[in-house]
């Protein structure tokens, strides 16, 4: 499996991860919460992304940039029942950081995509680690990696689920740092931005992490398409919203490279 091969290649953690509970120095978290009693500090990763798409080992990347046909995807399930068309589309969505309905249009129009050389290797693939042992003392953690971009949520260091995401179009629009969830609003409406019809933009299943930046359901056209918010596909956004609480730590990093 791709995930196991990454671990074997020395990517089991993918990042230096330092956790100290009860630290007196918690300025990053306190900036976003305004709560001087918050005492969890997380220092995670280094802010020097070296590639724009570092999910896979470039020497054996496992995919080819090309067009793929509906018939080709249909044939996958003949060899492996797990690779029914929707599942294959989801794999393409994940490695292209693009919502599945956009992928369907890409396939239909013949637009080139990152296509796995072997789809079976990607059935349980994720670019984020299965387990972060240094986070074992943190009940709930959301990890957001900007240069992939991808999100994972963890309980005591164990990956619960992950998702492709869209973040700010400009690097500074989604700031790296350590935060906590400040507000939850499943029917949130933006006060800053409008939709295509000039109306206040809906931001459903929203979790505010700092200022006007929220994690919420949205359209994932590509990995960098927002004004700073972290957008998830609709159903993962619902799952994350229901799972998270006001004590959940959110860590945004630029890269998982050392």
C-alpha atoms as a PDB file:
ATOM      1  CA  UNK A   1       0.000   0.000   0.000  1.00  0.00           C
ATOM      2  CA  UNK A   2       1.134   3.552  -0.714  1.00  0.00           C
ATOM      3  CA  UNK A   3       0.668   4.600   2.910  1.00  0.00           C
ATOM      4  CA  UNK A   4       2.813   1.730   4.151  1.00  0.00           C
ATOM      5  CA  UNK A   5       5.484   2.471   1.578  1.00  0.00           C
ATOM      6  CA  UNK A   6       5.669   6.052   2.796  1.00  0.00           C
ATOM      7  CA  UNK A   7       6.145   4.819   6.344  1.00  0.00           C
ATOM      8  CA  UNK A   8       8.859   2.443   5.191  1.00  0.00           C
ATOM      9  CA  UNK A   9      10.556   5.367   3.480  1.00  0.00           C
ATOM     10  CA  UNK A  10      10.859   7.193   6.781  1.00  0.00           C
ATOM     11  CA  UNK A  11       7.628   9.181   6.622  1.00  0.00           C
ATOM     12  CA  UNK A  12       5.870   7.468   9.538  1.00  0.00           C
ATOM     13  CA  UNK A  13       5.543  10.759  11.366  1.00  0.00           C
ATOM     14  CA  UNK A  14       6.353  13.103   8.461  1.00  0.00           C
ATOM     15  CA  UNK A  15       7.117  15.950  10.823  1.00  0.00           C
ATOM     16  CA  UNK A  16       8.770  16.753  14.136  1.00  0.00           C
ATOM     17  CA  UNK A  17       5.965  17.003  16.643  1.00  0.00           C
ATOM     18  CA  UNK A  18       6.585  18.452  20.114  1.00  0.00           C
ATOM     19  CA  UNK A  19       3.794  18.458  22.658  1.00  0.00           C
ATOM     20  CA  UNK A  20       3.985  19.792  26.185  1.00  0.00           C
ATOM     21  CA  UNK A  21       0.963  19.826  28.465  1.00  0.00           C
ATOM     22  CA  UNK A  22       0.763  22.469  31.171  1.00  0.00           C
ATOM     23  CA  UNK A  23       3.319  24.771  29.578  1.00  0.00           C
ATOM     24  CA  UNK A  24       3.363  28.373  30.752  1.00  0.00           C
ATOM     25  CA  UNK A  25       4.303  29.530  27.254  1.00  0.00           C
ATOM     26  CA  UNK A  26       1.140  29.285  25.188  1.00  0.00           C
ATOM     27  CA  UNK A  27       1.074  32.554  23.306  1.00  0.00           C
ATOM     28  CA  UNK A  28      -0.062  31.103  19.975  1.00  0.00           C
ATOM     29  CA  UNK A  29      -3.126  29.409  21.397  1.00  0.00           C
ATOM     30  CA  UNK A  30      -3.903  32.352  23.657  1.00  0.00           C
ATOM     31  CA  UNK A  31      -3.874  34.798  20.742  1.00  0.00           C
ATOM     32  CA  UNK A  32      -6.758  32.944  19.152  1.00  0.00           C
ATOM     33  CA  UNK A  33      -8.728  32.161  22.341  1.00  0.00           C
ATOM     34  CA  UNK A  34      -7.961  35.133  24.516  1.00  0.00           C
ATOM     35  CA  UNK A  35      -7.881  32.661  27.395  1.00  0.00           C
ATOM     36  CA  UNK A  36      -4.809  32.903  29.596  1.00  0.00           C
ATOM     37  CA  UNK A  37      -5.739  29.626  31.309  1.00  0.00           C
ATOM     38  CA  UNK A  38      -5.205  27.565  28.166  1.00  0.00           C
ATOM     39  CA  UNK A  39      -2.022  25.585  28.716  1.00  0.00           C
ATOM     40  CA  UNK A  40      -1.468  23.307  25.744  1.00  0.00           C
ATOM     41  CA  UNK A  41       1.425  24.166  23.434  1.00  0.00           C
ATOM     42  CA  UNK A  42       2.130  22.429  20.179  1.00  0.00           C
ATOM     43  CA  UNK A  43       5.110  23.064  17.949  1.00  0.00           C
ATOM     44  CA  UNK A  44       4.696  21.160  14.728  1.00  0.00           C
ATOM     45  CA  UNK A  45       6.777  21.051  11.581  1.00  0.00           C
ATOM     46  CA  UNK A  46       8.957  23.586   9.826  1.00  0.00           C
ATOM     47  CA  UNK A  47       7.719  26.363   7.609  1.00  0.00           C
ATOM     48  CA  UNK A  48       9.726  25.595   4.486  1.00  0.00           C
ATOM     49  CA  UNK A  49       7.659  23.734   1.922  1.00  0.00           C
ATOM     50  CA  UNK A  50       9.986  22.405  -0.768  1.00  0.00           C
ATOM     51  CA  UNK A  51       7.401  21.081  -3.207  1.00  0.00           C
ATOM     52  CA  UNK A  52       3.911  22.136  -4.171  1.00  0.00           C
ATOM     53  CA  UNK A  53       2.568  18.580  -4.169  1.00  0.00           C
ATOM     54  CA  UNK A  54       4.699  16.392  -1.873  1.00  0.00           C
ATOM     55  CA  UNK A  55       2.196  13.567  -1.301  1.00  0.00           C
ATOM     56  CA  UNK A  56       4.274  10.929  -3.012  1.00  0.00           C
ATOM     57  CA  UNK A  57       7.894  10.051  -3.523  1.00  0.00           C
ATOM     58  CA  UNK A  58       8.746  11.853  -6.749  1.00  0.00           C
ATOM     59  CA  UNK A  59      11.153   9.118  -7.863  1.00  0.00           C
ATOM     60  CA  UNK A  60       8.366   6.545  -7.666  1.00  0.00           C
ATOM     61  CA  UNK A  61       5.364   8.793  -7.631  1.00  0.00           C
ATOM     62  CA  UNK A  62       2.844   6.136  -8.624  1.00  0.00           C
ATOM     63  CA  UNK A  63       0.713   8.280 -10.908  1.00  0.00           C
ATOM     64  CA  UNK A  64       0.714   9.713 -14.423  1.00  0.00           C
ATOM     65  CA  UNK A  65      -0.727  13.041 -15.540  1.00  0.00           C
ATOM     66  CA  UNK A  66      -3.125  12.067 -18.310  1.00  0.00           C
ATOM     67  CA  UNK A  67      -6.750  11.806 -19.360  1.00  0.00           C
ATOM     68  CA  UNK A  68      -8.759   8.843 -18.102  1.00  0.00           C
ATOM     69  CA  UNK A  69     -11.997   7.517 -19.593  1.00  0.00           C
ATOM     70  CA  UNK A  70     -15.226   6.356 -18.003  1.00  0.00           C
ATOM     71  CA  UNK A  71     -14.766   2.941 -19.624  1.00  0.00           C
ATOM     72  CA  UNK A  72     -11.330   2.646 -18.068  1.00  0.00           C
ATOM     73  CA  UNK A  73     -12.760   3.393 -14.635  1.00  0.00           C
ATOM     74  CA  UNK A  74     -15.614   0.939 -15.185  1.00  0.00           C
ATOM     75  CA  UNK A  75     -13.129  -1.825 -15.986  1.00  0.00           C
ATOM     76  CA  UNK A  76     -11.408  -1.378 -12.625  1.00  0.00           C
ATOM     77  CA  UNK A  77     -14.325  -2.980 -10.790  1.00  0.00           C
ATOM     78  CA  UNK A  78     -14.075  -6.067 -12.999  1.00  0.00           C
ATOM     79  CA  UNK A  79     -10.654  -6.747 -11.488  1.00  0.00           C
ATOM     80  CA  UNK A  80     -11.394  -5.418  -7.999  1.00  0.00           C
ATOM     81  CA  UNK A  81     -15.005  -5.021  -6.758  1.00  0.00           C
ATOM     82  CA  UNK A  82     -13.848  -2.397  -4.245  1.00  0.00           C
ATOM     83  CA  UNK A  83     -12.930  -0.120  -7.148  1.00  0.00           C
ATOM     84  CA  UNK A  84     -16.454   0.616  -8.313  1.00  0.00           C
ATOM     85  CA  UNK A  85     -16.723   3.883 -10.306  1.00  0.00           C
ATOM     86  CA  UNK A  86     -17.609   6.140  -7.367  1.00  0.00           C
ATOM     87  CA  UNK A  87     -14.698   4.741  -5.328  1.00  0.00           C
ATOM     88  CA  UNK A  88     -12.317   5.285  -8.250  1.00  0.00           C
ATOM     89  CA  UNK A  89     -13.587   8.855  -8.629  1.00  0.00           C
ATOM     90  CA  UNK A  90     -12.975   9.429  -4.931  1.00  0.00           C
ATOM     91  CA  UNK A  91      -9.369   8.267  -5.291  1.00  0.00           C
ATOM     92  CA  UNK A  92      -8.919  10.686  -8.184  1.00  0.00           C
ATOM     93  CA  UNK A  93     -10.503  13.451  -6.107  1.00  0.00           C
ATOM     94  CA  UNK A  94      -8.100  12.869  -3.241  1.00  0.00           C
ATOM     95  CA  UNK A  95      -4.878  12.845  -5.255  1.00  0.00           C
ATOM     96  CA  UNK A  96      -5.998  15.804  -7.386  1.00  0.00           C
ATOM     97  CA  UNK A  97      -7.381  17.857  -4.457  1.00  0.00           C
ATOM     98  CA  UNK A  98     -10.606  18.413  -6.324  1.00  0.00           C
ATOM     99  CA  UNK A  99     -14.228  17.607  -5.465  1.00  0.00           C
ATOM    100  CA  UNK A 100     -15.547  14.382  -6.935  1.00  0.00           C
ATOM    101  CA  UNK A 101     -18.208  16.104  -9.059  1.00  0.00           C
ATOM    102  CA  UNK A 102     -15.487  18.233 -10.660  1.00  0.00           C
ATOM    103  CA  UNK A 103     -13.481  15.061 -11.311  1.00  0.00           C
ATOM    104  CA  UNK A 104     -16.511  13.527 -13.047  1.00  0.00           C
ATOM    105  CA  UNK A 105     -16.649  16.537 -15.372  1.00  0.00           C
ATOM    106  CA  UNK A 106     -12.900  16.308 -15.967  1.00  0.00           C
ATOM    107  CA  UNK A 107     -13.212  12.656 -16.966  1.00  0.00           C
ATOM    108  CA  UNK A 108     -16.149  13.409 -19.238  1.00  0.00           C
ATOM    109  CA  UNK A 109     -14.326  16.275 -20.968  1.00  0.00           C
ATOM    110  CA  UNK A 110     -10.997  14.437 -21.258  1.00  0.00           C
ATOM    111  CA  UNK A 111      -9.120  16.881 -19.057  1.00  0.00           C
ATOM    112  CA  UNK A 112      -5.771  15.462 -17.834  1.00  0.00           C
ATOM    113  CA  UNK A 113      -5.557  14.439 -14.188  1.00  0.00           C
ATOM    114  CA  UNK A 114      -3.157  12.697 -11.846  1.00  0.00           C
ATOM    115  CA  UNK A 115      -4.165   9.082 -12.465  1.00  0.00           C
ATOM    116  CA  UNK A 116      -2.746   6.242 -10.327  1.00  0.00           C
ATOM    117  CA  UNK A 117      -0.666   3.684 -12.184  1.00  0.00           C
ATOM    118  CA  UNK A 118      -2.300   1.114  -9.896  1.00  0.00           C
ATOM    119  CA  UNK A 119      -5.589   2.137  -8.264  1.00  0.00           C
ATOM    120  CA  UNK A 120      -5.448  -0.764  -5.801  1.00  0.00           C
ATOM    121  CA  UNK A 121      -2.495   0.860  -4.050  1.00  0.00           C
ATOM    122  CA  UNK A 122      -4.601   3.938  -3.325  1.00  0.00           C
ATOM    123  CA  UNK A 123      -7.648   2.315  -1.747  1.00  0.00           C
ATOM    124  CA  UNK A 124      -6.570   3.288   1.769  1.00  0.00           C
ATOM    125  CA  UNK A 125      -4.073   5.990   0.829  1.00  0.00           C
ATOM    126  CA  UNK A 126      -3.672   9.139   2.887  1.00  0.00           C
ATOM    127  CA  UNK A 127      -0.934  11.804   2.852  1.00  0.00           C
ATOM    128  CA  UNK A 128      -1.275  12.372   6.607  1.00  0.00           C
ATOM    129  CA  UNK A 129       0.110   9.935   9.200  1.00  0.00           C
ATOM    130  CA  UNK A 130      -2.024   7.184  10.724  1.00  0.00           C
ATOM    131  CA  UNK A 131      -0.594   7.886  14.147  1.00  0.00           C
ATOM    132  CA  UNK A 132       1.282  10.742  15.809  1.00  0.00           C
ATOM    133  CA  UNK A 133       2.701   9.274  19.032  1.00  0.00           C
ATOM    134  CA  UNK A 134       3.718  12.687  20.347  1.00  0.00           C
ATOM    135  CA  UNK A 135       0.031  13.719  20.245  1.00  0.00           C
ATOM    136  CA  UNK A 136      -1.104  10.810  22.414  1.00  0.00           C
ATOM    137  CA  UNK A 137      -1.921  13.155  25.316  1.00  0.00           C
ATOM    138  CA  UNK A 138      -4.163  15.394  23.212  1.00  0.00           C
ATOM    139  CA  UNK A 139      -7.801  14.199  23.283  1.00  0.00           C
ATOM    140  CA  UNK A 140      -8.705  15.836  19.972  1.00  0.00           C
ATOM    141  CA  UNK A 141      -6.472  17.424  17.344  1.00  0.00           C
ATOM    142  CA  UNK A 142      -7.145  18.737  13.847  1.00  0.00           C
ATOM    143  CA  UNK A 143      -4.035  18.834  11.640  1.00  0.00           C
ATOM    144  CA  UNK A 144      -4.099  20.998   8.508  1.00  0.00           C
ATOM    145  CA  UNK A 145      -1.165  20.776   6.082  1.00  0.00           C
ATOM    146  CA  UNK A 146      -1.025  23.682   3.669  1.00  0.00           C
ATOM    147  CA  UNK A 147       1.292  22.430   0.942  1.00  0.00           C
ATOM    148  CA  UNK A 148      -0.658  19.233   0.254  1.00  0.00           C
ATOM    149  CA  UNK A 149      -3.360  20.533   1.139  1.00  0.00           C
ATOM    150  CA  UNK A 150      -5.087  17.995   3.398  1.00  0.00           C
ATOM    151  CA  UNK A 151      -6.713  17.772   6.812  1.00  0.00           C
ATOM    152  CA  UNK A 152      -6.782  14.974   9.376  1.00  0.00           C
ATOM    153  CA  UNK A 153      -8.475  14.728  12.733  1.00  0.00           C
ATOM    154  CA  UNK A 154      -7.015  12.715  15.584  1.00  0.00           C
ATOM    155  CA  UNK A 155      -7.945  11.281  18.963  1.00  0.00           C
ATOM    156  CA  UNK A 156      -4.967  10.753  21.250  1.00  0.00           C
ATOM    157  CA  UNK A 157      -2.704  10.713  18.206  1.00  0.00           C
ATOM    158  CA  UNK A 158      -4.764   8.202  16.213  1.00  0.00           C
ATOM    159  CA  UNK A 159      -6.153   9.290  12.862  1.00  0.00           C
ATOM    160  CA  UNK A 160      -9.957   9.246  12.923  1.00  0.00           C
ATOM    161  CA  UNK A 161     -10.560  10.517   9.410  1.00  0.00           C
ATOM    162  CA  UNK A 162      -9.018  12.762   6.774  1.00  0.00           C
ATOM    163  CA  UNK A 163     -10.144  14.899   3.869  1.00  0.00           C
ATOM    164  CA  UNK A 164      -8.926  16.894   0.926  1.00  0.00           C
ATOM    165  CA  UNK A 165      -9.398  20.605   1.532  1.00  0.00           C
ATOM    166  CA  UNK A 166      -9.193  24.006  -0.079  1.00  0.00           C
ATOM    167  CA  UNK A 167      -7.330  26.814   1.690  1.00  0.00           C
ATOM    168  CA  UNK A 168      -6.463  30.445   0.938  1.00  0.00           C
ATOM    169  CA  UNK A 169      -5.514  31.449  -2.594  1.00  0.00           C
ATOM    170  CA  UNK A 170      -2.574  33.372  -1.148  1.00  0.00           C
ATOM    171  CA  UNK A 171      -0.243  31.739   1.359  1.00  0.00           C
ATOM    172  CA  UNK A 172      -0.818  34.355   4.054  1.00  0.00           C
ATOM    173  CA  UNK A 173      -4.605  34.049   3.883  1.00  0.00           C
ATOM    174  CA  UNK A 174      -4.570  30.793   5.873  1.00  0.00           C
ATOM    175  CA  UNK A 175      -2.048  31.350   8.642  1.00  0.00           C
ATOM    176  CA  UNK A 176       0.099  28.606  10.111  1.00  0.00           C
ATOM    177  CA  UNK A 177      -0.263  28.386  13.871  1.00  0.00           C
ATOM    178  CA  UNK A 178      -1.906  26.641  16.789  1.00  0.00           C
ATOM    179  CA  UNK A 179      -5.509  27.465  17.555  1.00  0.00           C
ATOM    180  CA  UNK A 180      -8.617  26.165  19.238  1.00  0.00           C
ATOM    181  CA  UNK A 181     -12.152  25.986  17.940  1.00  0.00           C
ATOM    182  CA  UNK A 182     -13.854  29.173  19.114  1.00  0.00           C
ATOM    183  CA  UNK A 183     -17.367  28.785  17.710  1.00  0.00           C
ATOM    184  CA  UNK A 184     -19.538  26.176  16.028  1.00  0.00           C
ATOM    185  CA  UNK A 185     -22.338  27.191  13.652  1.00  0.00           C
ATOM    186  CA  UNK A 186     -23.895  24.638  11.319  1.00  0.00           C
ATOM    187  CA  UNK A 187     -25.860  27.341   9.472  1.00  0.00           C
ATOM    188  CA  UNK A 188     -23.205  30.035   9.338  1.00  0.00           C
ATOM    189  CA  UNK A 189     -23.503  32.836   6.779  1.00  0.00           C
ATOM    190  CA  UNK A 190     -20.471  34.895   5.823  1.00  0.00           C
ATOM    191  CA  UNK A 191     -20.433  38.543   6.827  1.00  0.00           C
ATOM    192  CA  UNK A 192     -17.439  39.238   4.601  1.00  0.00           C
ATOM    193  CA  UNK A 193     -18.080  37.557   1.257  1.00  0.00           C
ATOM    194  CA  UNK A 194     -20.927  37.002  -1.189  1.00  0.00           C
ATOM    195  CA  UNK A 195     -21.813  34.115  -3.469  1.00  0.00           C
ATOM    196  CA  UNK A 196     -22.193  34.191  -7.261  1.00  0.00           C
ATOM    197  CA  UNK A 197     -25.606  35.844  -6.866  1.00  0.00           C
ATOM    198  CA  UNK A 198     -24.333  38.681  -4.705  1.00  0.00           C
ATOM    199  CA  UNK A 199     -25.901  37.239  -1.557  1.00  0.00           C
ATOM    200  CA  UNK A 200     -24.032  36.548   1.703  1.00  0.00           C
ATOM    201  CA  UNK A 201     -22.150  33.311   1.143  1.00  0.00           C
ATOM    202  CA  UNK A 202     -23.347  30.259   3.095  1.00  0.00           C
ATOM    203  CA  UNK A 203     -20.653  28.517   5.137  1.00  0.00           C
ATOM    204  CA  UNK A 204     -22.434  25.439   6.533  1.00  0.00           C
ATOM    205  CA  UNK A 205     -21.073  23.201   9.278  1.00  0.00           C
ATOM    206  CA  UNK A 206     -18.615  25.898  10.294  1.00  0.00           C
ATOM    207  CA  UNK A 207     -15.946  25.885  12.998  1.00  0.00           C
ATOM    208  CA  UNK A 208     -14.231  29.219  13.688  1.00  0.00           C
ATOM    209  CA  UNK A 209     -10.544  29.017  14.551  1.00  0.00           C
ATOM    210  CA  UNK A 210      -9.354  32.647  14.414  1.00  0.00           C
ATOM    211  CA  UNK A 211     -10.679  36.039  13.309  1.00  0.00           C
ATOM    212  CA  UNK A 212     -12.982  35.453  10.298  1.00  0.00           C
ATOM    213  CA  UNK A 213     -11.349  32.134   9.333  1.00  0.00           C
ATOM    214  CA  UNK A 214     -13.565  29.060   9.617  1.00  0.00           C
ATOM    215  CA  UNK A 215     -13.374  25.389   8.725  1.00  0.00           C
ATOM    216  CA  UNK A 216     -16.574  24.666   6.800  1.00  0.00           C
ATOM    217  CA  UNK A 217     -18.236  22.841   3.929  1.00  0.00           C
ATOM    218  CA  UNK A 218     -17.540  24.317   0.520  1.00  0.00           C
ATOM    219  CA  UNK A 219     -16.735  23.730  -3.124  1.00  0.00           C
ATOM    220  CA  UNK A 220     -13.285  22.193  -3.631  1.00  0.00           C
ATOM    221  CA  UNK A 221     -12.362  23.293  -7.138  1.00  0.00           C
ATOM    222  CA  UNK A 222      -8.654  23.073  -6.350  1.00  0.00           C
ATOM    223  CA  UNK A 223      -6.397  23.119  -3.324  1.00  0.00           C
ATOM    224  CA  UNK A 224      -6.058  26.900  -3.102  1.00  0.00           C
ATOM    225  CA  UNK A 225      -9.398  28.536  -3.793  1.00  0.00           C
ATOM    226  CA  UNK A 226     -10.659  30.308  -0.650  1.00  0.00           C
ATOM    227  CA  UNK A 227     -10.311  33.711   1.004  1.00  0.00           C
ATOM    228  CA  UNK A 228      -8.557  32.019   3.926  1.00  0.00           C
ATOM    229  CA  UNK A 229     -11.130  29.574   5.254  1.00  0.00           C
ATOM    230  CA  UNK A 230     -10.500  25.842   5.178  1.00  0.00           C
ATOM    231  CA  UNK A 231     -13.155  24.243   2.971  1.00  0.00           C
ATOM    232  CA  UNK A 232     -14.045  20.550   3.110  1.00  0.00           C
ATOM    233  CA  UNK A 233     -16.425  18.532   0.947  1.00  0.00           C
ATOM    234  CA  UNK A 234     -19.927  18.520   2.403  1.00  0.00           C
ATOM    235  CA  UNK A 235     -20.089  15.144   4.142  1.00  0.00           C
ATOM    236  CA  UNK A 236     -16.604  15.225   5.713  1.00  0.00           C
ATOM    237  CA  UNK A 237     -17.456  18.733   6.957  1.00  0.00           C
ATOM    238  CA  UNK A 238     -20.535  17.366   8.722  1.00  0.00           C
ATOM    239  CA  UNK A 239     -18.523  14.559  10.312  1.00  0.00           C
ATOM    240  CA  UNK A 240     -15.813  16.939  11.507  1.00  0.00           C
ATOM    241  CA  UNK A 241     -18.386  19.402  12.863  1.00  0.00           C
ATOM    242  CA  UNK A 242     -20.141  16.718  14.902  1.00  0.00           C
ATOM    243  CA  UNK A 243     -16.837  15.310  16.181  1.00  0.00           C
ATOM    244  CA  UNK A 244     -15.159  18.577  17.196  1.00  0.00           C
ATOM    245  CA  UNK A 245     -15.783  20.566  20.361  1.00  0.00           C
ATOM    246  CA  UNK A 246     -14.593  23.823  21.891  1.00  0.00           C
ATOM    247  CA  UNK A 247     -11.520  22.172  23.404  1.00  0.00           C
ATOM    248  CA  UNK A 248     -10.309  20.763  20.087  1.00  0.00           C
ATOM    249  CA  UNK A 249      -6.821  21.930  19.144  1.00  0.00           C
ATOM    250  CA  UNK A 250      -6.265  22.965  15.520  1.00  0.00           C
ATOM    251  CA  UNK A 251      -2.717  23.007  14.182  1.00  0.00           C
ATOM    252  CA  UNK A 252      -2.003  24.509  10.755  1.00  0.00           C
ATOM    253  CA  UNK A 253       1.448  23.831   9.306  1.00  0.00           C
ATOM    254  CA  UNK A 254       3.068  24.857   6.050  1.00  0.00           C
ATOM    255  CA  UNK A 255       4.642  21.489   5.307  1.00  0.00           C
ATOM    256  CA  UNK A 256       5.311  18.047   6.750  1.00  0.00           C
ATOM    257  CA  UNK A 257       8.877  18.071   5.400  1.00  0.00           C
ATOM    258  CA  UNK A 258      11.619  18.182   7.982  1.00  0.00           C
END
